[in-house]
N, C-alpha and C. Protein backbone atom coordinates (compact mmCIF):
# COMPACT_ATOMS: atom_id res chain seq x y z
N UNK A 1 -42.84 94.08 -55.58
CA UNK A 1 -41.64 93.40 -55.96
C UNK A 1 -40.97 92.76 -54.75
N UNK A 2 -41.06 93.41 -53.62
CA UNK A 2 -40.47 92.87 -52.42
C UNK A 2 -41.14 91.58 -52.01
N UNK A 3 -42.44 91.48 -52.13
CA UNK A 3 -43.14 90.26 -51.73
C UNK A 3 -42.76 89.09 -52.64
N UNK A 4 -42.54 89.34 -53.92
CA UNK A 4 -42.13 88.28 -54.83
C UNK A 4 -40.72 87.80 -54.45
N UNK A 5 -39.86 88.75 -54.14
CA UNK A 5 -38.49 88.41 -53.77
C UNK A 5 -38.48 87.57 -52.48
N UNK A 6 -39.28 87.96 -51.48
CA UNK A 6 -39.37 87.19 -50.24
C UNK A 6 -39.97 85.82 -50.48
N UNK A 7 -40.94 85.75 -51.39
CA UNK A 7 -41.58 84.48 -51.72
C UNK A 7 -40.56 83.52 -52.35
N UNK A 8 -39.68 84.05 -53.22
CA UNK A 8 -38.65 83.22 -53.83
C UNK A 8 -37.67 82.69 -52.79
N UNK A 9 -37.34 83.55 -51.79
CA UNK A 9 -36.43 83.12 -50.74
C UNK A 9 -37.03 81.99 -49.91
N UNK A 10 -38.33 82.06 -49.61
CA UNK A 10 -38.95 81.01 -48.81
C UNK A 10 -39.02 79.71 -49.59
N UNK A 11 -39.21 79.78 -50.91
CA UNK A 11 -39.20 78.57 -51.73
C UNK A 11 -37.81 77.94 -51.71
N UNK A 12 -36.78 78.78 -51.81
CA UNK A 12 -35.42 78.28 -51.79
C UNK A 12 -35.07 77.67 -50.43
N UNK A 13 -35.59 78.26 -49.38
CA UNK A 13 -35.29 77.77 -48.05
C UNK A 13 -35.93 76.41 -47.79
N UNK A 14 -37.09 76.11 -48.39
CA UNK A 14 -37.75 74.83 -48.16
C UNK A 14 -37.30 73.76 -49.14
N UNK A 15 -36.76 74.13 -50.25
CA UNK A 15 -36.34 73.14 -51.23
C UNK A 15 -35.28 72.17 -50.71
N UNK A 16 -34.23 72.64 -50.05
CA UNK A 16 -33.24 71.66 -49.58
C UNK A 16 -33.86 70.64 -48.64
N UNK A 17 -34.77 71.04 -47.78
CA UNK A 17 -35.42 70.10 -46.87
C UNK A 17 -36.24 69.09 -47.66
N UNK A 18 -36.85 69.53 -48.73
CA UNK A 18 -37.66 68.63 -49.55
C UNK A 18 -36.80 67.57 -50.21
N UNK A 19 -35.54 67.89 -50.49
CA UNK A 19 -34.64 66.92 -51.10
C UNK A 19 -33.95 66.04 -50.05
N UNK A 20 -33.64 66.60 -48.92
CA UNK A 20 -32.89 65.88 -47.90
C UNK A 20 -33.75 64.86 -47.18
N UNK A 21 -35.00 65.19 -46.88
CA UNK A 21 -35.87 64.29 -46.12
C UNK A 21 -36.06 62.93 -46.78
N UNK A 22 -36.36 62.85 -48.09
CA UNK A 22 -36.50 61.52 -48.69
C UNK A 22 -35.21 60.70 -48.68
N UNK A 23 -34.07 61.36 -48.65
CA UNK A 23 -32.79 60.65 -48.62
C UNK A 23 -32.49 60.18 -47.20
N UNK A 24 -32.73 61.02 -46.21
CA UNK A 24 -32.40 60.68 -44.84
C UNK A 24 -33.39 59.72 -44.19
N UNK A 25 -34.65 59.76 -44.59
CA UNK A 25 -35.66 58.92 -43.95
C UNK A 25 -35.33 57.43 -44.05
N UNK A 26 -34.99 56.88 -45.23
CA UNK A 26 -34.65 55.45 -45.28
C UNK A 26 -33.38 55.13 -44.47
N UNK A 27 -32.42 56.04 -44.48
CA UNK A 27 -31.21 55.82 -43.72
C UNK A 27 -31.51 55.76 -42.22
N UNK A 28 -32.35 56.66 -41.76
CA UNK A 28 -32.75 56.66 -40.36
C UNK A 28 -33.52 55.40 -40.01
N UNK A 29 -34.39 54.96 -40.91
CA UNK A 29 -35.16 53.74 -40.67
C UNK A 29 -34.25 52.52 -40.56
N UNK A 30 -33.24 52.42 -41.43
CA UNK A 30 -32.30 51.31 -41.37
C UNK A 30 -31.47 51.34 -40.09
N UNK A 31 -31.10 52.53 -39.68
CA UNK A 31 -30.30 52.66 -38.46
C UNK A 31 -31.10 52.23 -37.24
N UNK A 32 -32.34 52.64 -37.18
CA UNK A 32 -33.17 52.32 -36.02
C UNK A 32 -33.68 50.89 -36.05
N UNK A 33 -33.69 50.25 -37.21
CA UNK A 33 -34.22 48.88 -37.32
C UNK A 33 -33.43 47.90 -36.46
N UNK A 34 -32.14 48.10 -36.34
CA UNK A 34 -31.32 47.18 -35.56
C UNK A 34 -31.32 47.46 -34.07
N UNK A 35 -31.83 48.61 -33.65
CA UNK A 35 -31.78 48.98 -32.24
C UNK A 35 -32.69 48.09 -31.40
N UNK A 36 -32.14 47.57 -30.34
CA UNK A 36 -32.94 46.80 -29.39
C UNK A 36 -33.29 45.41 -29.86
N UNK A 37 -32.68 44.92 -30.92
CA UNK A 37 -33.06 43.62 -31.44
C UNK A 37 -32.28 42.48 -30.78
N UNK A 38 -31.29 42.79 -29.95
CA UNK A 38 -30.44 41.74 -29.41
C UNK A 38 -31.21 40.77 -28.52
N UNK A 39 -31.73 41.21 -27.43
CA UNK A 39 -32.38 40.30 -26.49
C UNK A 39 -33.85 40.63 -26.38
N UNK A 40 -34.61 40.38 -27.44
CA UNK A 40 -36.03 40.67 -27.40
C UNK A 40 -36.80 39.56 -26.72
N UNK A 41 -36.21 38.39 -26.58
CA UNK A 41 -36.85 37.28 -25.89
C UNK A 41 -36.70 37.50 -24.39
N UNK A 42 -37.83 37.65 -23.66
CA UNK A 42 -37.71 37.91 -22.23
C UNK A 42 -37.02 36.77 -21.50
N UNK A 43 -37.02 35.58 -22.04
CA UNK A 43 -36.38 34.45 -21.38
C UNK A 43 -34.92 34.30 -21.78
N UNK A 44 -34.42 35.22 -22.60
CA UNK A 44 -33.03 35.11 -23.07
C UNK A 44 -32.07 35.30 -21.90
N UNK A 45 -31.02 34.52 -21.93
CA UNK A 45 -30.02 34.56 -20.88
C UNK A 45 -28.79 35.27 -21.42
N UNK A 46 -28.18 36.12 -20.63
CA UNK A 46 -27.00 36.86 -21.06
C UNK A 46 -25.88 35.89 -21.42
N UNK A 47 -25.79 34.76 -20.75
CA UNK A 47 -24.71 33.81 -21.04
C UNK A 47 -24.88 33.14 -22.40
N UNK A 48 -26.07 33.27 -23.02
CA UNK A 48 -26.30 32.70 -24.35
C UNK A 48 -25.66 33.55 -25.45
N UNK A 49 -25.31 34.79 -25.13
CA UNK A 49 -24.74 35.69 -26.12
C UNK A 49 -23.24 35.40 -26.21
N UNK A 50 -22.72 35.18 -27.44
CA UNK A 50 -21.29 34.89 -27.57
C UNK A 50 -20.46 36.04 -27.02
N UNK A 51 -19.38 35.72 -26.34
CA UNK A 51 -18.55 36.75 -25.73
C UNK A 51 -17.49 37.27 -26.69
N UNK A 52 -17.19 36.54 -27.77
CA UNK A 52 -16.15 36.96 -28.70
C UNK A 52 -16.60 36.68 -30.12
N UNK A 53 -16.28 37.62 -31.03
CA UNK A 53 -16.66 37.42 -32.42
C UNK A 53 -15.57 36.71 -33.21
N UNK A 54 -14.36 36.66 -32.69
CA UNK A 54 -13.29 36.00 -33.43
C UNK A 54 -13.29 34.50 -33.12
N UNK A 55 -13.20 33.69 -34.17
CA UNK A 55 -13.26 32.25 -33.96
C UNK A 55 -12.00 31.72 -33.29
N UNK A 56 -12.18 30.64 -32.55
CA UNK A 56 -11.02 29.97 -31.97
C UNK A 56 -10.31 29.24 -33.10
N UNK A 57 -9.04 28.85 -32.93
CA UNK A 57 -8.32 28.17 -34.01
C UNK A 57 -9.07 26.96 -34.56
N UNK A 58 -9.73 26.20 -33.69
CA UNK A 58 -10.45 25.01 -34.15
C UNK A 58 -11.67 25.39 -34.99
N UNK A 59 -12.24 26.59 -34.76
CA UNK A 59 -13.42 27.02 -35.51
C UNK A 59 -13.06 27.73 -36.81
N UNK A 60 -11.83 28.20 -36.94
CA UNK A 60 -11.42 28.91 -38.14
C UNK A 60 -11.31 27.91 -39.29
N UNK A 61 -12.03 28.14 -40.38
CA UNK A 61 -12.01 27.19 -41.50
C UNK A 61 -10.62 27.01 -42.10
N UNK A 62 -9.80 28.06 -42.11
CA UNK A 62 -8.44 27.93 -42.65
C UNK A 62 -7.60 27.01 -41.77
N UNK A 63 -7.71 27.17 -40.47
CA UNK A 63 -6.94 26.33 -39.55
C UNK A 63 -7.44 24.88 -39.63
N UNK A 64 -8.75 24.71 -39.65
CA UNK A 64 -9.32 23.36 -39.73
C UNK A 64 -8.87 22.66 -41.01
N UNK A 65 -8.88 23.39 -42.14
CA UNK A 65 -8.45 22.80 -43.42
C UNK A 65 -6.97 22.45 -43.38
N UNK A 66 -6.15 23.33 -42.80
CA UNK A 66 -4.71 23.07 -42.72
C UNK A 66 -4.43 21.86 -41.84
N UNK A 67 -5.10 21.77 -40.69
CA UNK A 67 -4.89 20.63 -39.79
C UNK A 67 -5.31 19.33 -40.47
N UNK A 68 -6.45 19.34 -41.13
CA UNK A 68 -6.93 18.13 -41.80
C UNK A 68 -5.94 17.70 -42.89
N UNK A 69 -5.44 18.66 -43.66
CA UNK A 69 -4.49 18.34 -44.73
C UNK A 69 -3.19 17.79 -44.16
N UNK A 70 -2.66 18.44 -43.12
CA UNK A 70 -1.40 17.98 -42.54
C UNK A 70 -1.54 16.61 -41.90
N UNK A 71 -2.65 16.36 -41.23
CA UNK A 71 -2.87 15.04 -40.62
C UNK A 71 -2.87 13.96 -41.69
N UNK A 72 -3.51 14.25 -42.83
CA UNK A 72 -3.54 13.28 -43.93
C UNK A 72 -2.15 13.11 -44.55
N UNK A 73 -1.45 14.22 -44.79
CA UNK A 73 -0.11 14.17 -45.39
C UNK A 73 0.88 13.37 -44.54
N UNK A 74 0.81 13.59 -43.23
CA UNK A 74 1.78 12.96 -42.33
C UNK A 74 1.29 11.65 -41.73
N UNK A 75 0.02 11.31 -41.96
CA UNK A 75 -0.54 10.08 -41.42
C UNK A 75 -0.59 10.11 -39.89
N UNK A 76 -0.96 11.29 -39.36
CA UNK A 76 -1.04 11.43 -37.91
C UNK A 76 -2.43 11.90 -37.51
N UNK A 77 -2.72 11.88 -36.22
CA UNK A 77 -3.99 12.37 -35.71
C UNK A 77 -3.93 13.89 -35.60
N UNK A 78 -5.07 14.53 -35.81
CA UNK A 78 -5.11 16.00 -35.73
C UNK A 78 -4.74 16.49 -34.34
N UNK A 79 -4.94 15.66 -33.32
CA UNK A 79 -4.60 16.05 -31.95
C UNK A 79 -3.08 16.19 -31.76
N UNK A 80 -2.31 15.62 -32.67
CA UNK A 80 -0.85 15.69 -32.58
C UNK A 80 -0.29 16.96 -33.25
N UNK A 81 -1.18 17.80 -33.74
CA UNK A 81 -0.79 19.01 -34.47
C UNK A 81 -1.08 20.23 -33.60
N UNK A 82 -0.11 21.14 -33.55
CA UNK A 82 -0.25 22.38 -32.78
C UNK A 82 -0.29 23.56 -33.74
N UNK A 83 -1.18 24.52 -33.46
CA UNK A 83 -1.22 25.75 -34.25
C UNK A 83 -0.18 26.71 -33.68
N UNK A 84 0.82 27.02 -34.49
CA UNK A 84 1.88 27.95 -34.09
C UNK A 84 1.40 29.38 -34.28
N UNK A 85 0.78 29.65 -35.44
CA UNK A 85 0.25 30.98 -35.71
C UNK A 85 -0.84 30.91 -36.77
N UNK A 86 -1.69 31.91 -36.74
CA UNK A 86 -2.77 32.07 -37.70
C UNK A 86 -2.92 33.57 -37.89
N UNK A 87 -2.29 34.11 -38.94
CA UNK A 87 -2.19 35.56 -39.10
C UNK A 87 -2.74 36.05 -40.42
N UNK A 88 -3.31 37.27 -40.37
CA UNK A 88 -3.65 37.98 -41.59
C UNK A 88 -2.37 38.66 -42.04
N UNK A 89 -2.03 38.52 -43.31
CA UNK A 89 -0.78 39.05 -43.84
C UNK A 89 -1.03 39.70 -45.19
N UNK A 90 0.00 40.35 -45.72
CA UNK A 90 -0.04 40.88 -47.08
C UNK A 90 1.07 40.20 -47.85
N UNK A 91 0.67 39.50 -48.91
CA UNK A 91 1.64 38.80 -49.76
C UNK A 91 2.19 39.74 -50.80
N UNK A 92 3.42 39.50 -51.23
CA UNK A 92 4.10 40.37 -52.18
C UNK A 92 3.52 40.27 -53.60
N UNK A 93 2.88 39.15 -53.91
CA UNK A 93 2.32 38.97 -55.25
C UNK A 93 1.25 37.88 -55.22
N UNK A 94 0.74 37.54 -56.40
CA UNK A 94 -0.33 36.55 -56.51
C UNK A 94 0.08 35.12 -56.18
N UNK A 95 1.36 34.88 -55.94
CA UNK A 95 1.79 33.53 -55.56
C UNK A 95 1.42 33.23 -54.10
N UNK A 96 1.02 34.25 -53.37
CA UNK A 96 0.65 34.12 -51.96
C UNK A 96 1.80 33.55 -51.13
N UNK A 97 3.00 33.96 -51.48
CA UNK A 97 4.17 33.53 -50.72
C UNK A 97 4.57 32.09 -50.96
N UNK A 98 4.04 31.51 -52.04
CA UNK A 98 4.34 30.12 -52.34
C UNK A 98 4.47 29.94 -53.86
N UNK A 99 5.47 30.60 -54.46
CA UNK A 99 5.60 30.53 -55.92
C UNK A 99 6.02 29.14 -56.40
N UNK A 100 5.51 28.78 -57.55
CA UNK A 100 5.88 27.52 -58.18
C UNK A 100 6.69 27.84 -59.43
N UNK A 101 7.76 27.09 -59.68
CA UNK A 101 8.61 27.34 -60.85
C UNK A 101 7.81 27.29 -62.15
N UNK A 102 8.09 28.26 -63.03
CA UNK A 102 7.46 28.29 -64.34
C UNK A 102 6.08 28.94 -64.37
N UNK A 103 5.54 29.32 -63.24
CA UNK A 103 4.22 29.97 -63.22
C UNK A 103 4.36 31.47 -63.13
N UNK A 104 3.41 32.17 -63.71
CA UNK A 104 3.37 33.63 -63.67
C UNK A 104 2.34 34.06 -62.63
N UNK A 105 2.61 35.16 -61.94
CA UNK A 105 1.71 35.65 -60.90
C UNK A 105 1.50 37.15 -61.05
N UNK A 106 0.36 37.62 -60.55
CA UNK A 106 0.11 39.06 -60.58
C UNK A 106 1.15 39.75 -59.72
N UNK A 107 1.57 40.92 -60.14
CA UNK A 107 2.60 41.67 -59.42
C UNK A 107 1.93 42.77 -58.60
N UNK A 108 1.07 42.38 -57.70
CA UNK A 108 0.37 43.32 -56.83
C UNK A 108 0.30 42.73 -55.43
N UNK A 109 0.27 43.59 -54.44
CA UNK A 109 0.12 43.13 -53.06
C UNK A 109 -1.23 42.47 -52.90
N UNK A 110 -1.26 41.36 -52.15
CA UNK A 110 -2.49 40.60 -51.96
C UNK A 110 -2.70 40.35 -50.48
N UNK A 111 -3.87 40.76 -49.97
CA UNK A 111 -4.21 40.46 -48.58
C UNK A 111 -4.52 38.98 -48.45
N UNK A 112 -4.03 38.37 -47.40
CA UNK A 112 -4.26 36.95 -47.23
C UNK A 112 -4.02 36.48 -45.81
N UNK A 113 -3.81 35.17 -45.69
CA UNK A 113 -3.59 34.55 -44.38
C UNK A 113 -2.42 33.58 -44.46
N UNK A 114 -1.81 33.37 -43.29
CA UNK A 114 -0.75 32.38 -43.16
C UNK A 114 -1.02 31.60 -41.88
N UNK A 115 -1.12 30.28 -42.03
CA UNK A 115 -1.30 29.39 -40.90
C UNK A 115 -0.03 28.56 -40.79
N UNK A 116 0.57 28.55 -39.61
CA UNK A 116 1.77 27.75 -39.38
C UNK A 116 1.43 26.71 -38.33
N UNK A 117 1.68 25.45 -38.67
CA UNK A 117 1.40 24.32 -37.79
C UNK A 117 2.70 23.64 -37.40
N UNK A 118 2.65 22.90 -36.29
CA UNK A 118 3.81 22.13 -35.84
C UNK A 118 3.37 20.72 -35.53
N UNK A 119 4.16 19.77 -35.99
CA UNK A 119 3.92 18.35 -35.68
C UNK A 119 5.26 17.65 -35.60
N UNK A 120 5.48 16.91 -34.56
CA UNK A 120 6.72 16.15 -34.35
C UNK A 120 7.96 17.02 -34.49
N UNK A 121 7.88 18.24 -33.96
CA UNK A 121 9.04 19.12 -33.96
C UNK A 121 9.32 19.84 -35.27
N UNK A 122 8.48 19.67 -36.27
CA UNK A 122 8.69 20.32 -37.56
C UNK A 122 7.52 21.27 -37.84
N UNK A 123 7.81 22.43 -38.47
CA UNK A 123 6.74 23.38 -38.79
C UNK A 123 6.32 23.24 -40.25
N UNK A 124 5.06 23.57 -40.50
CA UNK A 124 4.46 23.47 -41.82
C UNK A 124 3.68 24.74 -42.08
N UNK A 125 3.85 25.32 -43.28
CA UNK A 125 3.18 26.57 -43.63
C UNK A 125 2.02 26.32 -44.59
N UNK A 126 0.94 27.02 -44.35
CA UNK A 126 -0.23 27.02 -45.22
C UNK A 126 -0.56 28.47 -45.54
N UNK A 127 -0.65 28.78 -46.84
CA UNK A 127 -0.89 30.16 -47.28
C UNK A 127 -2.20 30.24 -48.05
N UNK A 128 -2.81 31.41 -48.01
CA UNK A 128 -4.03 31.63 -48.77
C UNK A 128 -4.34 33.11 -48.92
N UNK A 129 -5.34 33.39 -49.74
CA UNK A 129 -5.83 34.76 -49.91
C UNK A 129 -6.91 35.03 -48.87
N UNK A 130 -7.52 36.21 -48.96
CA UNK A 130 -8.59 36.57 -48.01
C UNK A 130 -9.77 35.63 -48.13
N UNK A 131 -10.05 35.18 -49.34
CA UNK A 131 -11.15 34.24 -49.53
C UNK A 131 -10.56 32.95 -50.11
N UNK A 132 -11.32 31.90 -50.04
CA UNK A 132 -10.81 30.61 -50.51
C UNK A 132 -10.12 29.89 -49.38
N UNK A 133 -9.53 28.77 -49.71
CA UNK A 133 -8.89 27.96 -48.68
C UNK A 133 -7.37 28.11 -48.72
N UNK A 134 -6.75 27.76 -47.63
CA UNK A 134 -5.29 27.77 -47.58
C UNK A 134 -4.76 26.51 -48.23
N UNK A 135 -3.49 26.57 -48.66
CA UNK A 135 -2.86 25.39 -49.25
C UNK A 135 -1.46 25.23 -48.68
N UNK A 136 -1.02 23.99 -48.65
CA UNK A 136 0.31 23.68 -48.14
C UNK A 136 1.36 24.36 -49.00
N UNK A 137 2.37 24.92 -48.37
CA UNK A 137 3.44 25.60 -49.08
C UNK A 137 4.77 24.96 -48.70
N UNK A 138 5.36 24.26 -49.67
CA UNK A 138 6.60 23.53 -49.42
C UNK A 138 7.78 24.45 -49.17
N UNK A 139 7.89 25.53 -49.93
CA UNK A 139 8.99 26.49 -49.79
C UNK A 139 8.42 27.88 -49.54
N UNK A 140 7.94 28.13 -48.33
CA UNK A 140 7.25 29.40 -48.06
C UNK A 140 8.17 30.62 -48.08
N UNK A 141 7.63 31.71 -48.59
CA UNK A 141 8.30 33.00 -48.55
C UNK A 141 7.61 33.86 -47.50
N UNK A 142 8.32 34.84 -46.99
CA UNK A 142 7.76 35.73 -45.98
C UNK A 142 6.81 36.75 -46.62
N UNK A 143 5.77 37.14 -45.91
CA UNK A 143 4.90 38.20 -46.40
C UNK A 143 5.57 39.57 -46.26
N UNK A 144 4.89 40.60 -46.72
CA UNK A 144 5.37 41.96 -46.54
C UNK A 144 5.41 42.24 -45.04
N UNK A 145 6.50 42.80 -44.53
CA UNK A 145 6.55 43.09 -43.10
C UNK A 145 5.44 44.04 -42.69
N UNK A 146 4.82 43.75 -41.56
CA UNK A 146 3.76 44.65 -41.07
C UNK A 146 4.42 45.86 -40.45
N UNK A 147 3.63 46.92 -40.31
CA UNK A 147 4.16 48.16 -39.71
C UNK A 147 4.66 47.87 -38.31
N UNK A 148 5.74 48.50 -37.95
CA UNK A 148 6.27 48.34 -36.62
C UNK A 148 7.30 47.23 -36.50
N UNK A 149 7.57 46.50 -37.61
CA UNK A 149 8.60 45.47 -37.54
C UNK A 149 9.89 46.02 -38.12
N UNK A 150 10.98 45.37 -37.83
CA UNK A 150 12.28 45.85 -38.32
C UNK A 150 12.79 45.02 -39.49
N UNK A 151 11.89 44.27 -40.15
CA UNK A 151 12.29 43.44 -41.29
C UNK A 151 12.54 44.25 -42.56
N UNK A 152 12.09 45.48 -42.57
CA UNK A 152 12.22 46.30 -43.77
C UNK A 152 13.67 46.70 -43.97
N UNK A 153 14.13 46.76 -45.26
CA UNK A 153 15.50 47.17 -45.52
C UNK A 153 15.72 48.60 -45.05
N UNK A 154 16.94 48.89 -44.60
CA UNK A 154 17.21 50.23 -44.09
C UNK A 154 18.16 50.98 -44.97
């Protein structure tokens, strides 16, 4: 009876490994697949590797779209437009900080972006969600204050 009991214990001890190995093996393979893939070309130059992952204002599609729209609206060259800010924000509702009279909007916080441009001494706001393009906002509202600001009511 003791040998049967010990035999059952050894089966139980190996079973978890039998279940864990098939689950962990693909995960380990995926993790290791990316290792060392950066500069596999012996002729690769370190200066060819981008130094920053965040796009410059001119490369950001939201900023580019806002500049193009403002240049067309104002009949000016894009070079006459300055980017004041380009921020990720949280909007108070589905209007994205730019409600239009008579329209209904979702009443939930929405992650998005706000691009503020300046031309000829005047600022222009462009609002959007996380995806999609920004749009000109004639009467912009402020987003939800980010943590660490004093805009919150006391």
